[in-house]
Amino acid sequence: MTLADTLAQAKWTFATRRVDHACVTATDTDFTAAKPGDLILAHVDTIGQHQRVQLPSGRPSLIFPGDAVVMACGARYAPDQFEGLAEIDAQGADLLAGGGCIGRMVARNRRIKPATRLVPSARLLGADGHAVNLAQFALAPRRAAQHPPVIGVLGTSMNSGKTLATAQLVLGLRRAGFRVGAIKATGTGAFGDFNEYSDSGAHYVGDFTDAGMVTTYLEPLDRIKTAIETLIAEAGHRGCDIVVMEVADGLLQRETAALIADPWFARLVSGLVFACGDAVAAAGGVAHLARLGLVPDALTGLVSCSPMAASEAQAATGLPVLTKEDLGDPAEATGFALRAGLGRKEAA
């Protein structure tokens, strides 16, 4: 079977969606040289936590032992799942994320299964003999002199409600007549958040994979900041009036902590929503943000599901607690837009 045939039959993952397959002309097995973003052809060995991979088309695909999959070498930090490093061992590697991140698992949450094991088959190379890397297909770095106002969405942890809050605020702003950009600033490449933003009516959707990274874990802060600026500028270039930007994981996660501690972040955002699980998390998170000079406009997330917890959080912080219905309401969303510096628009 030719290389072209092998690659045509392989399942290319979401993180590789910008890659021109024709650029792959050769392979090698120098896995010790693999760097974050390099494309790896691997075969499924044993099924563990991930029973599916995510395809560029936006649908999940079941995987079976022996299946060929194309992924990007990368690290991952996900307290609810795995921590992994961007290292490829010829004897075996781990599927760190269904969106297409392959590496070496170093820790896992005890509540989940071990990682699905993979057998690396080849590192994909271009005509110049160098590894094909996601960065080659990234948006060109773009820094706009003026960019749309940005509403940031932060949270206490994974699964605190950040993505739902982002999507619902996109929905509310879209209902109010704004063209909204939705951006995932950090995390590990996956189509779940991307699709949810799109389904909510975002005019433009982008994430760090569009900036050439399968994951932002262990990436230099300057590279992440440049990627964020590029995505926001791209949203403005596409005609967006306002951007809603989700930052992954919790306030103490390595990259999130570095971003929000940088004065650049406070200058970047014109509004801030904070998702948390309960009143104690709300109080602690708001106090931590205050030490960084950041004050949320509202709380949301799992805490908003319980009227009792919401009352406690509001009493502890002095901030309103908004439900997903509140965020999706055009009147409430318009309030965010006005505070961010946008004028009122007629609903479309």
Protein backbone atom coordinates (compact mmCIF):
# COMPACT_ATOMS: atom_id res chain seq x y z
CA MET A 1 0.00 0.00 0.00
CA THR A 2 1.35 3.43 -0.93
CA LEU A 3 1.74 6.27 1.57
CA ALA A 4 -1.09 8.11 -0.18
CA ASP A 5 -3.37 5.09 0.21
CA THR A 6 -2.49 4.71 3.89
CA LEU A 7 -3.16 8.37 4.62
CA ALA A 8 -6.40 8.31 2.64
CA GLN A 9 -7.69 5.42 4.76
CA ALA A 10 -6.53 6.89 8.06
CA LYS A 11 -8.82 8.85 10.35
CA TRP A 12 -7.53 12.42 10.43
CA THR A 13 -8.51 14.14 13.64
CA PHE A 14 -10.07 17.51 14.41
CA ALA A 15 -6.77 19.12 15.40
CA THR A 16 -5.41 18.44 11.90
CA ARG A 17 -8.34 20.05 10.09
CA ARG A 18 -6.27 22.88 8.57
CA VAL A 19 -3.57 20.58 7.20
CA ASP A 20 -3.21 20.14 3.44
CA HIS A 21 -2.84 16.36 3.10
CA ALA A 22 -0.94 16.79 -0.16
CA CYS A 23 1.93 18.35 1.78
CA VAL A 24 2.78 14.94 3.25
CA THR A 25 5.25 13.29 0.89
CA ALA A 26 7.35 11.03 3.12
CA THR A 27 7.70 9.57 6.60
CA ASP A 28 10.30 8.62 9.15
CA THR A 29 10.34 6.91 12.54
CA ASP A 30 12.52 9.39 14.40
CA PHE A 31 9.96 9.75 17.18
CA THR A 32 12.47 11.14 19.67
CA ALA A 33 12.69 14.21 17.42
CA ALA A 34 8.92 14.80 17.50
CA LYS A 35 7.94 18.27 18.64
CA PRO A 36 4.56 19.67 19.71
CA GLY A 37 2.36 19.97 16.65
CA ASP A 38 4.21 17.38 14.52
CA LEU A 39 1.85 15.00 12.73
CA ILE A 40 2.02 11.36 13.76
CA LEU A 41 0.47 8.37 12.04
CA ALA A 42 -0.41 5.75 14.64
CA HIS A 43 -2.45 2.59 14.91
CA VAL A 44 -4.85 1.83 17.72
CA ASP A 45 -3.57 -0.86 20.07
CA THR A 46 -5.95 -1.16 23.04
CA ILE A 47 -9.08 0.86 23.77
CA GLY A 48 -9.14 2.76 27.05
CA GLN A 49 -10.78 6.03 28.06
CA HIS A 50 -11.28 7.29 24.53
CA GLN A 51 -13.37 5.00 22.35
CA ARG A 52 -13.74 7.63 19.62
CA VAL A 53 -11.73 10.29 17.88
CA GLN A 54 -13.14 13.56 16.58
CA LEU A 55 -13.04 14.10 12.84
CA PRO A 56 -12.56 17.43 11.02
CA SER A 57 -16.13 17.07 9.74
CA GLY A 58 -17.38 17.68 13.28
CA ARG A 59 -18.54 14.17 14.04
CA PRO A 60 -17.03 11.54 16.34
CA SER A 61 -15.76 8.26 14.91
CA LEU A 62 -15.52 4.99 16.78
CA ILE A 63 -12.02 3.54 16.74
CA PHE A 64 -11.01 -0.10 16.80
CA PRO A 65 -7.72 -1.93 17.34
CA GLY A 66 -5.71 -1.68 14.14
CA ASP A 67 -7.28 1.57 12.95
CA ALA A 68 -4.89 4.14 11.50
CA VAL A 69 -5.25 7.64 12.94
CA VAL A 70 -3.41 10.89 12.19
CA MET A 71 -2.87 13.10 15.24
CA ALA A 72 -0.56 15.83 16.46
CA CYS A 73 2.10 15.32 19.09
CA GLY A 74 1.15 17.38 22.13
CA ALA A 75 0.88 17.74 25.88
CA ARG A 76 -2.33 17.88 27.88
CA TYR A 77 -3.41 19.17 31.26
CA ALA A 78 -6.93 18.15 32.24
CA PRO A 79 -7.52 17.47 35.97
CA ASP A 80 -10.70 15.53 35.17
CA GLN A 81 -8.79 13.29 32.75
CA PHE A 82 -5.05 13.26 32.01
CA GLU A 83 -1.81 15.08 32.28
CA GLY A 84 0.47 14.17 29.41
CA LEU A 85 3.66 15.32 27.73
CA ALA A 86 4.52 15.84 24.05
CA GLU A 87 6.71 12.75 23.85
CA ILE A 88 6.41 9.83 21.44
CA ASP A 89 7.85 6.42 22.29
CA ALA A 90 8.13 4.00 19.38
CA GLN A 91 6.98 1.19 21.69
CA GLY A 92 3.69 2.87 22.48
CA ALA A 93 1.97 6.21 23.07
CA ASP A 94 -1.27 7.48 24.58
CA LEU A 95 -4.35 9.10 23.10
CA LEU A 96 -4.48 12.14 25.38
CA ALA A 97 -7.52 13.76 23.77
CA GLY A 98 -10.08 12.62 21.23
CA GLY A 99 -9.54 15.79 19.21
CA GLY A 100 -6.22 14.37 18.12
CA CYS A 101 -3.49 14.77 20.73
CA ILE A 102 -0.93 11.97 21.04
CA GLY A 103 1.78 11.91 23.71
CA ARG A 104 2.84 10.24 26.95
CA MET A 105 0.41 10.14 29.85
CA VAL A 106 2.06 10.94 33.19
CA ALA A 107 -1.02 11.17 35.44
CA ARG A 108 -4.72 10.45 35.30
CA ASN A 109 -7.82 11.08 37.35
CA ARG A 110 -8.67 7.86 39.21
CA ARG A 111 -12.30 8.12 38.16
CA ILE A 112 -11.50 7.43 34.50
CA LYS A 113 -9.99 4.54 32.57
CA PRO A 114 -6.36 4.42 31.46
CA ALA A 115 -5.61 6.10 28.17
CA THR A 116 -6.26 4.38 24.87
CA ARG A 117 -2.91 2.99 23.73
CA LEU A 118 -1.47 3.65 20.31
CA VAL A 119 1.44 2.25 18.32
CA PRO A 120 3.24 5.07 16.48
CA SER A 121 3.85 4.11 12.87
CA ALA A 122 5.42 7.19 11.31
CA ARG A 123 6.19 10.85 11.66
CA LEU A 124 4.81 12.64 8.62
CA LEU A 125 7.26 14.68 6.55
CA GLY A 126 7.01 17.30 3.83
CA ALA A 127 8.94 17.67 0.59
CA ASP A 128 11.73 19.49 2.45
CA GLY A 129 12.30 16.44 4.66
CA HIS A 130 11.08 18.25 7.77
CA ALA A 131 8.18 17.15 9.94
CA VAL A 132 4.76 18.43 8.92
CA ASN A 133 3.58 20.59 11.80
CA LEU A 134 0.28 22.29 12.58
CA ALA A 135 2.08 25.62 12.78
CA GLN A 136 2.69 25.52 9.01
CA PHE A 137 -1.05 25.84 8.41
CA ALA A 138 -1.87 28.39 11.09
CA LEU A 139 -3.46 31.77 10.55
CA ALA A 140 -0.80 34.37 9.85
CA PRO A 141 -0.04 36.37 13.00
CA ARG A 142 -2.22 39.44 12.99
CA ARG A 143 -2.24 42.35 15.43
CA ALA A 144 -5.02 44.82 14.75
CA ALA A 145 -4.57 48.46 15.66
CA GLN A 146 -8.12 48.27 16.98
CA HIS A 147 -9.92 45.04 17.75
CA PRO A 148 -13.50 44.29 18.76
CA PRO A 149 -14.30 44.53 22.48
CA VAL A 150 -13.61 41.23 24.25
CA ILE A 151 -15.66 39.66 27.04
CA GLY A 152 -13.55 37.05 28.85
CA VAL A 153 -14.97 33.92 30.43
CA LEU A 154 -12.98 32.37 33.27
CA GLY A 155 -13.78 29.57 35.69
CA THR A 156 -12.66 27.80 38.81
CA SER A 157 -11.94 24.49 37.08
CA MET A 158 -12.78 22.16 34.23
CA ASN A 159 -16.53 21.60 33.96
CA SER A 160 -17.44 24.66 35.99
CA GLY A 161 -19.70 25.93 33.19
CA LYS A 162 -17.38 28.12 31.11
CA THR A 163 -18.26 26.73 27.69
CA LEU A 164 -22.00 26.86 28.32
CA ALA A 165 -21.65 30.43 29.57
CA THR A 166 -19.63 31.39 26.49
CA ALA A 167 -22.12 29.82 24.12
CA GLN A 168 -25.13 31.33 25.86
CA LEU A 169 -23.62 34.79 25.89
CA VAL A 170 -22.88 34.38 22.18
CA LEU A 171 -26.54 33.44 21.73
CA GLY A 172 -27.76 36.46 23.68
CA LEU A 173 -25.53 38.87 21.80
CA ARG A 174 -26.53 37.34 18.47
CA ARG A 175 -30.20 37.70 19.41
CA ALA A 176 -29.50 41.34 20.21
CA GLY A 177 -28.27 41.88 16.67
CA PHE A 178 -24.50 41.73 17.14
CA ARG A 179 -22.07 39.80 14.99
CA VAL A 180 -20.19 37.79 17.58
CA GLY A 181 -16.79 36.15 17.49
CA ALA A 182 -16.34 33.14 19.79
CA ILE A 183 -12.80 32.16 20.69
CA LYS A 184 -11.30 29.33 22.75
CA ALA A 185 -8.06 30.86 23.95
CA THR A 186 -6.41 27.89 25.66
CA GLY A 187 -6.89 24.18 26.24
CA THR A 188 -6.57 21.03 24.14
CA GLY A 189 -8.01 20.83 20.64
CA ALA A 190 -11.52 19.38 20.49
CA PHE A 191 -14.65 20.07 18.50
CA GLY A 192 -17.12 20.13 21.40
CA ASP A 193 -16.62 23.76 22.37
CA PHE A 194 -16.06 24.78 18.74
CA ASN A 195 -19.37 23.23 17.68
CA GLU A 196 -21.28 24.67 20.63
CA TYR A 197 -20.12 28.18 19.78
CA SER A 198 -21.13 27.64 16.15
CA ASP A 199 -24.52 26.25 17.12
CA SER A 200 -25.17 29.36 19.22
CA GLY A 201 -24.84 31.53 16.14
CA ALA A 202 -21.32 32.89 16.37
CA HIS A 203 -20.37 34.86 13.25
CA TYR A 204 -16.78 33.62 13.58
CA VAL A 205 -15.39 30.74 15.64
CA GLY A 206 -11.68 30.19 16.24
CA ASP A 207 -9.40 28.47 18.67
CA PHE A 208 -5.71 27.91 19.34
CA THR A 209 -5.58 25.07 16.81
CA ASP A 210 -6.24 27.72 14.15
CA ALA A 211 -3.07 29.37 15.48
CA GLY A 212 -1.05 26.17 15.02
CA MET A 213 -1.19 24.51 18.46
CA VAL A 214 -2.83 21.19 19.28
CA THR A 215 -2.70 22.29 22.92
CA THR A 216 -1.54 25.33 24.85
CA TYR A 217 -0.19 23.34 27.81
CA LEU A 218 3.54 24.06 28.28
CA GLU A 219 3.58 26.48 25.35
CA PRO A 220 5.43 29.79 25.91
CA LEU A 221 3.21 32.59 27.18
CA ASP A 222 4.22 34.90 24.34
CA ARG A 223 3.13 32.34 21.77
CA ILE A 224 -0.27 32.00 23.44
CA LYS A 225 -0.73 35.77 23.64
CA THR A 226 0.19 36.16 19.97
CA ALA A 227 -2.32 33.44 19.08
CA ILE A 228 -5.07 35.17 21.05
CA GLU A 229 -4.34 38.51 19.41
CA THR A 230 -4.38 36.83 16.00
CA LEU A 231 -7.75 35.19 16.65
CA ILE A 232 -9.31 38.42 17.93
CA ALA A 233 -7.94 40.35 14.97
CA GLU A 234 -9.29 37.64 12.65
CA ALA A 235 -12.73 38.02 14.24
CA GLY A 236 -12.56 41.75 13.60
CA HIS A 237 -11.41 41.14 10.04
CA ARG A 238 -14.44 38.87 9.55
CA GLY A 239 -16.76 41.68 10.63
CA CYS A 240 -17.44 40.79 14.26
CA ASP A 241 -18.70 43.57 16.53
CA ILE A 242 -17.69 41.84 19.76
CA VAL A 243 -15.78 38.73 20.88
CA VAL A 244 -16.54 36.28 23.69
CA MET A 245 -13.36 34.46 24.71
CA GLU A 246 -13.18 31.36 26.91
CA VAL A 247 -9.99 30.61 28.82
CA ALA A 248 -9.71 26.93 29.72
CA ASP A 249 -9.40 25.21 33.08
CA GLY A 250 -9.19 27.00 36.42
CA LEU A 251 -7.53 30.16 37.65
CA LEU A 252 -4.53 28.28 39.05
CA GLN A 253 -3.78 26.21 35.95
CA ARG A 254 -0.32 27.07 34.59
CA GLU A 255 -1.20 28.94 31.41
CA THR A 256 -4.41 30.47 32.73
CA ALA A 257 -2.61 31.77 35.81
CA ALA A 258 0.12 33.30 33.67
CA LEU A 259 -2.35 34.93 31.29
CA ILE A 260 -4.57 36.56 33.90
CA ALA A 261 -1.57 37.74 35.95
CA ASP A 262 -0.20 39.57 32.91
CA PRO A 263 -1.38 43.23 32.75
CA TRP A 264 -1.92 42.57 29.05
CA PHE A 265 -5.03 40.51 29.93
CA ALA A 266 -6.70 43.29 31.90
CA ARG A 267 -6.12 45.64 28.96
CA LEU A 268 -7.46 43.06 26.51
CA VAL A 269 -10.86 42.35 28.09
CA SER A 270 -13.67 44.86 28.37
CA GLY A 271 -15.87 42.54 30.43
CA LEU A 272 -15.50 39.39 32.49
CA VAL A 273 -17.77 36.48 33.42
CA PHE A 274 -16.69 34.03 36.10
CA ALA A 275 -18.06 30.46 36.18
CA CYS A 276 -17.90 28.55 39.46
CA GLY A 277 -19.38 25.52 41.13
CA ASP A 278 -20.48 26.82 44.53
CA ALA A 279 -20.40 29.84 46.80
CA VAL A 280 -17.05 29.00 48.39
CA ALA A 281 -15.45 28.70 44.95
CA ALA A 282 -17.08 31.97 43.96
CA ALA A 283 -15.75 33.80 47.02
CA GLY A 284 -12.25 32.39 46.65
CA GLY A 285 -12.09 32.98 42.93
CA VAL A 286 -13.36 36.54 43.10
CA ALA A 287 -10.84 37.33 45.85
CA HIS A 288 -8.03 35.84 43.76
CA LEU A 289 -9.07 37.85 40.72
CA ALA A 290 -9.23 41.02 42.82
CA ARG A 291 -5.59 40.54 43.80
CA LEU A 292 -4.81 40.63 40.07
CA GLY A 293 -6.89 43.75 39.51
CA LEU A 294 -9.70 41.86 37.77
CA VAL A 295 -13.36 42.28 38.75
CA PRO A 296 -16.00 40.06 37.11
CA ASP A 297 -19.22 41.63 35.90
CA ALA A 298 -21.17 38.53 36.92
CA LEU A 299 -20.97 34.99 38.21
CA THR A 300 -22.43 32.01 36.40
CA GLY A 301 -21.84 28.28 35.95
CA LEU A 302 -22.95 25.39 38.12
CA VAL A 303 -23.57 27.73 41.05
CA SER A 304 -26.42 29.30 39.09
CA CYS A 305 -28.33 26.00 38.98
CA SER A 306 -29.24 26.26 42.68
CA PRO A 307 -31.12 29.35 43.93
CA MET A 308 -29.69 28.69 47.41
CA ALA A 309 -26.11 28.45 46.19
CA ALA A 310 -26.62 31.50 43.98
CA SER A 311 -27.86 33.54 46.94
CA GLU A 312 -24.85 32.50 49.00
CA ALA A 313 -22.47 33.41 46.18
CA GLN A 314 -24.09 36.79 45.63
CA ALA A 315 -23.97 37.56 49.35
CA ALA A 316 -20.31 36.53 49.55
CA THR A 317 -19.14 38.49 46.51
CA GLY A 318 -21.65 41.25 45.90
CA LEU A 319 -21.89 40.12 42.26
CA PRO A 320 -25.01 39.08 40.35
CA VAL A 321 -25.39 35.39 39.51
CA LEU A 322 -26.68 34.77 36.01
CA THR A 323 -28.26 31.58 34.73
CA LYS A 324 -27.77 30.31 31.21
CA GLU A 325 -31.18 31.77 30.36
CA ASP A 326 -30.04 35.17 31.62
CA LEU A 327 -26.91 35.06 29.46
CA GLY A 328 -28.97 34.07 26.43
CA ASP A 329 -31.41 36.92 26.94
CA PRO A 330 -30.77 39.72 24.44
CA ALA A 331 -31.48 42.46 26.98
CA GLU A 332 -28.96 41.05 29.47
CA ALA A 333 -26.43 40.46 26.70
CA THR A 334 -26.87 44.00 25.45
CA GLY A 335 -25.94 45.19 28.92
CA PHE A 336 -22.63 43.36 28.58
CA ALA A 337 -22.11 44.91 25.15
CA LEU A 338 -22.81 48.42 26.44
CA ARG A 339 -20.41 47.98 29.35
CA ALA A 340 -17.83 46.70 26.86
CA GLY A 341 -18.16 49.92 24.88
CA LEU A 342 -20.51 48.95 22.05
CA GLY A 343 -23.56 50.95 21.11
CA ARG A 344 -27.05 49.52 21.00
CA LYS A 345 -28.04 47.67 17.82
CA GLU A 346 -31.37 46.64 16.49
CA ALA A 347 -31.97 42.90 16.80
CA ALA A 348 -31.61 41.11 13.50
